[in-house]
Amino acid sequence: MDDFLPRPLTQAVSLALRDIHDPGARSDLLFLEAWEMQRPANLGATLRASQIRRANPDLAAAIERELKAGKGSRPLAG
């Protein structure tokens, strides 16, 4: 198994991951963050992001706010 775990780039996802212990849920939140940063035109990725956004509307809004404010461009310390 790979020992590398992607780290969140936004404070919103970093805080949300504190309460997440399921690898699938962690993957979903990191995927959403990456999707919000690049918004690829891939239909499958867009549908997945849409489902995650619907399940986590407050987190999606927080990620958007943070990215619009210019935060989330580098990994968090710690």
N, C-alpha and C. Protein backbone atom coordinates (compact mmCIF):
# COMPACT_ATOMS: atom_id res chain seq x y z
N MET A 1 0.84 -1.19 0.00
CA MET A 1 0.00 0.00 0.00
C MET A 1 0.88 1.25 0.00
N ASP A 2 0.39 2.25 -0.66
CA ASP A 2 1.13 3.50 -0.79
C ASP A 2 1.08 4.27 0.53
N ASP A 3 2.22 4.74 1.00
CA ASP A 3 2.28 5.50 2.25
C ASP A 3 1.98 6.98 2.05
N PHE A 4 1.89 7.41 0.78
CA PHE A 4 1.65 8.81 0.47
C PHE A 4 0.17 9.13 0.61
N LEU A 5 -0.13 10.12 1.45
CA LEU A 5 -1.50 10.62 1.56
C LEU A 5 -1.50 12.06 1.11
N PRO A 6 -2.30 12.37 0.09
CA PRO A 6 -2.37 13.77 -0.35
C PRO A 6 -2.79 14.67 0.80
N ARG A 7 -2.25 15.86 0.83
CA ARG A 7 -2.58 16.82 1.88
C ARG A 7 -3.51 17.87 1.32
N PRO A 8 -4.43 18.33 2.11
CA PRO A 8 -5.34 19.38 1.64
C PRO A 8 -4.60 20.69 1.40
N LEU A 9 -5.12 21.46 0.46
CA LEU A 9 -4.52 22.75 0.14
C LEU A 9 -5.33 23.91 0.71
N THR A 10 -6.54 23.64 1.15
CA THR A 10 -7.37 24.70 1.72
C THR A 10 -7.62 24.42 3.19
N GLN A 11 -7.82 25.48 3.93
CA GLN A 11 -8.13 25.35 5.35
C GLN A 11 -9.46 24.64 5.54
N ALA A 12 -10.42 24.90 4.65
CA ALA A 12 -11.75 24.30 4.75
C ALA A 12 -11.66 22.77 4.72
N VAL A 13 -10.93 22.23 3.77
CA VAL A 13 -10.80 20.78 3.67
C VAL A 13 -9.95 20.24 4.81
N SER A 14 -8.92 20.96 5.17
CA SER A 14 -8.07 20.54 6.29
C SER A 14 -8.91 20.35 7.56
N LEU A 15 -9.77 21.32 7.83
CA LEU A 15 -10.63 21.23 9.02
C LEU A 15 -11.64 20.09 8.90
N ALA A 16 -12.21 19.93 7.71
CA ALA A 16 -13.20 18.86 7.50
C ALA A 16 -12.57 17.48 7.68
N LEU A 17 -11.33 17.33 7.28
CA LEU A 17 -10.67 16.03 7.37
C LEU A 17 -10.34 15.62 8.80
N ARG A 18 -10.38 16.54 9.72
CA ARG A 18 -10.11 16.20 11.12
C ARG A 18 -11.09 15.16 11.65
N ASP A 19 -12.32 15.21 11.15
CA ASP A 19 -13.37 14.31 11.62
C ASP A 19 -13.60 13.12 10.70
N ILE A 20 -12.80 13.00 9.66
CA ILE A 20 -12.98 11.93 8.67
C ILE A 20 -11.97 10.82 8.93
N HIS A 21 -12.48 9.60 9.09
CA HIS A 21 -11.60 8.45 9.31
C HIS A 21 -11.73 7.42 8.20
N ASP A 22 -12.72 7.60 7.34
CA ASP A 22 -12.96 6.69 6.23
C ASP A 22 -12.13 7.10 5.02
N PRO A 23 -11.30 6.20 4.47
CA PRO A 23 -10.45 6.55 3.34
C PRO A 23 -11.25 7.02 2.11
N GLY A 24 -12.42 6.44 1.89
CA GLY A 24 -13.26 6.85 0.76
C GLY A 24 -13.76 8.27 0.91
N ALA A 25 -14.18 8.61 2.12
CA ALA A 25 -14.66 9.97 2.38
C ALA A 25 -13.52 10.97 2.26
N ARG A 26 -12.34 10.59 2.75
CA ARG A 26 -11.16 11.46 2.63
C ARG A 26 -10.85 11.71 1.16
N SER A 27 -10.88 10.65 0.38
CA SER A 27 -10.63 10.76 -1.05
C SER A 27 -11.64 11.69 -1.72
N ASP A 28 -12.91 11.57 -1.32
CA ASP A 28 -13.95 12.42 -1.89
C ASP A 28 -13.70 13.89 -1.61
N LEU A 29 -13.33 14.22 -0.38
CA LEU A 29 -13.11 15.62 -0.03
C LEU A 29 -11.88 16.19 -0.74
N LEU A 30 -10.83 15.40 -0.84
CA LEU A 30 -9.64 15.86 -1.56
C LEU A 30 -9.92 15.99 -3.06
N PHE A 31 -10.75 15.08 -3.58
CA PHE A 31 -11.15 15.17 -4.98
C PHE A 31 -11.93 16.46 -5.22
N LEU A 32 -12.89 16.75 -4.34
CA LEU A 32 -13.69 17.96 -4.48
C LEU A 32 -12.80 19.20 -4.48
N GLU A 33 -11.85 19.24 -3.57
CA GLU A 33 -10.93 20.38 -3.50
C GLU A 33 -10.16 20.53 -4.81
N ALA A 34 -9.62 19.43 -5.31
CA ALA A 34 -8.86 19.48 -6.57
C ALA A 34 -9.76 19.88 -7.73
N TRP A 35 -10.98 19.38 -7.74
CA TRP A 35 -11.91 19.72 -8.81
C TRP A 35 -12.25 21.21 -8.77
N GLU A 36 -12.47 21.74 -7.58
CA GLU A 36 -12.79 23.16 -7.45
C GLU A 36 -11.64 24.03 -7.94
N MET A 37 -10.41 23.54 -7.81
CA MET A 37 -9.25 24.32 -8.21
C MET A 37 -9.07 24.33 -9.72
N GLN A 38 -9.44 23.25 -10.41
CA GLN A 38 -9.17 23.16 -11.85
C GLN A 38 -10.43 22.99 -12.70
N ARG A 39 -11.50 22.46 -12.16
CA ARG A 39 -12.76 22.23 -12.87
C ARG A 39 -12.56 21.63 -14.26
N PRO A 40 -12.07 20.40 -14.32
CA PRO A 40 -11.86 19.77 -15.62
C PRO A 40 -13.20 19.56 -16.34
N ALA A 41 -13.14 19.50 -17.66
CA ALA A 41 -14.34 19.35 -18.48
C ALA A 41 -14.81 17.89 -18.56
N ASN A 42 -14.15 16.99 -17.91
CA ASN A 42 -14.50 15.57 -17.92
C ASN A 42 -15.86 15.36 -17.27
N LEU A 43 -16.79 14.74 -18.00
CA LEU A 43 -18.14 14.56 -17.50
C LEU A 43 -18.18 13.72 -16.22
N GLY A 44 -17.40 12.64 -16.18
CA GLY A 44 -17.38 11.79 -14.99
C GLY A 44 -16.91 12.54 -13.76
N ALA A 45 -15.86 13.33 -13.92
CA ALA A 45 -15.34 14.11 -12.79
C ALA A 45 -16.35 15.15 -12.35
N THR A 46 -17.03 15.77 -13.31
CA THR A 46 -18.03 16.78 -12.97
C THR A 46 -19.20 16.17 -12.22
N LEU A 47 -19.63 14.99 -12.64
CA LEU A 47 -20.74 14.31 -11.95
C LEU A 47 -20.33 13.91 -10.53
N ARG A 48 -19.11 13.40 -10.38
CA ARG A 48 -18.64 13.03 -9.04
C ARG A 48 -18.57 14.27 -8.14
N ALA A 49 -18.00 15.35 -8.66
CA ALA A 49 -17.91 16.58 -7.88
C ALA A 49 -19.29 17.09 -7.50
N SER A 50 -20.23 16.99 -8.43
CA SER A 50 -21.60 17.44 -8.16
C SER A 50 -22.23 16.66 -7.01
N GLN A 51 -22.03 15.37 -6.99
CA GLN A 51 -22.57 14.54 -5.91
C GLN A 51 -21.93 14.89 -4.57
N ILE A 52 -20.64 15.09 -4.57
CA ILE A 52 -19.94 15.44 -3.32
C ILE A 52 -20.38 16.82 -2.84
N ARG A 53 -20.53 17.76 -3.78
CA ARG A 53 -21.00 19.11 -3.43
C ARG A 53 -22.39 19.07 -2.81
N ARG A 54 -23.26 18.25 -3.40
CA ARG A 54 -24.63 18.13 -2.86
C ARG A 54 -24.64 17.56 -1.45
N ALA A 55 -23.75 16.64 -1.18
CA ALA A 55 -23.67 16.02 0.14
C ALA A 55 -22.97 16.92 1.16
N ASN A 56 -22.19 17.88 0.68
CA ASN A 56 -21.39 18.75 1.56
C ASN A 56 -21.49 20.21 1.11
N PRO A 57 -22.68 20.79 1.08
CA PRO A 57 -22.82 22.14 0.54
C PRO A 57 -22.03 23.21 1.30
N ASP A 58 -21.96 23.09 2.61
CA ASP A 58 -21.21 24.09 3.39
C ASP A 58 -19.72 24.01 3.09
N LEU A 59 -19.21 22.80 2.98
CA LEU A 59 -17.79 22.63 2.65
C LEU A 59 -17.50 23.15 1.25
N ALA A 60 -18.35 22.83 0.29
CA ALA A 60 -18.15 23.30 -1.08
C ALA A 60 -18.12 24.83 -1.12
N ALA A 61 -19.03 25.46 -0.39
CA ALA A 61 -19.07 26.92 -0.35
C ALA A 61 -17.81 27.48 0.31
N ALA A 62 -17.34 26.83 1.36
CA ALA A 62 -16.13 27.29 2.05
C ALA A 62 -14.90 27.17 1.15
N ILE A 63 -14.81 26.08 0.39
CA ILE A 63 -13.69 25.91 -0.53
C ILE A 63 -13.73 27.01 -1.58
N GLU A 64 -14.90 27.26 -2.15
CA GLU A 64 -15.04 28.31 -3.17
C GLU A 64 -14.63 29.67 -2.62
N ARG A 65 -15.11 30.00 -1.42
CA ARG A 65 -14.75 31.29 -0.82
C ARG A 65 -13.25 31.41 -0.64
N GLU A 66 -12.66 30.34 -0.14
CA GLU A 66 -11.21 30.36 0.12
C GLU A 66 -10.42 30.52 -1.17
N LEU A 67 -10.81 29.81 -2.21
CA LEU A 67 -10.11 29.90 -3.48
C LEU A 67 -10.29 31.27 -4.11
N LYS A 68 -11.48 31.84 -4.01
CA LYS A 68 -11.72 33.17 -4.56
C LYS A 68 -10.93 34.24 -3.81
N ALA A 69 -10.67 33.99 -2.54
CA ALA A 69 -9.90 34.94 -1.73
C ALA A 69 -8.39 34.80 -1.98
N GLY A 70 -8.02 33.81 -2.79
CA GLY A 70 -6.61 33.63 -3.11
C GLY A 70 -5.86 32.72 -2.17
N LYS A 71 -6.60 32.06 -1.27
CA LYS A 71 -5.96 31.12 -0.35
C LYS A 71 -5.97 29.75 -0.99
N GLY A 72 -5.27 28.82 -0.36
CA GLY A 72 -5.29 27.44 -0.84
C GLY A 72 -4.33 27.16 -1.98
N SER A 73 -3.36 28.02 -2.17
CA SER A 73 -2.42 27.82 -3.27
C SER A 73 -1.19 27.05 -2.85
N ARG A 74 -1.04 26.76 -1.58
CA ARG A 74 0.12 25.98 -1.13
C ARG A 74 -0.29 25.08 0.03
N PRO A 75 0.44 24.00 0.24
CA PRO A 75 0.10 23.07 1.32
C PRO A 75 0.16 23.76 2.68
N LEU A 76 -0.69 23.31 3.57
CA LEU A 76 -0.70 23.82 4.93
C LEU A 76 0.43 23.20 5.73
N ALA A 77 0.95 23.94 6.66
CA ALA A 77 2.01 23.41 7.53
C ALA A 77 1.41 22.42 8.52
N GLY A 78 2.21 21.48 8.94
CA GLY A 78 1.76 20.56 9.98
C GLY A 78 1.50 19.27 9.45
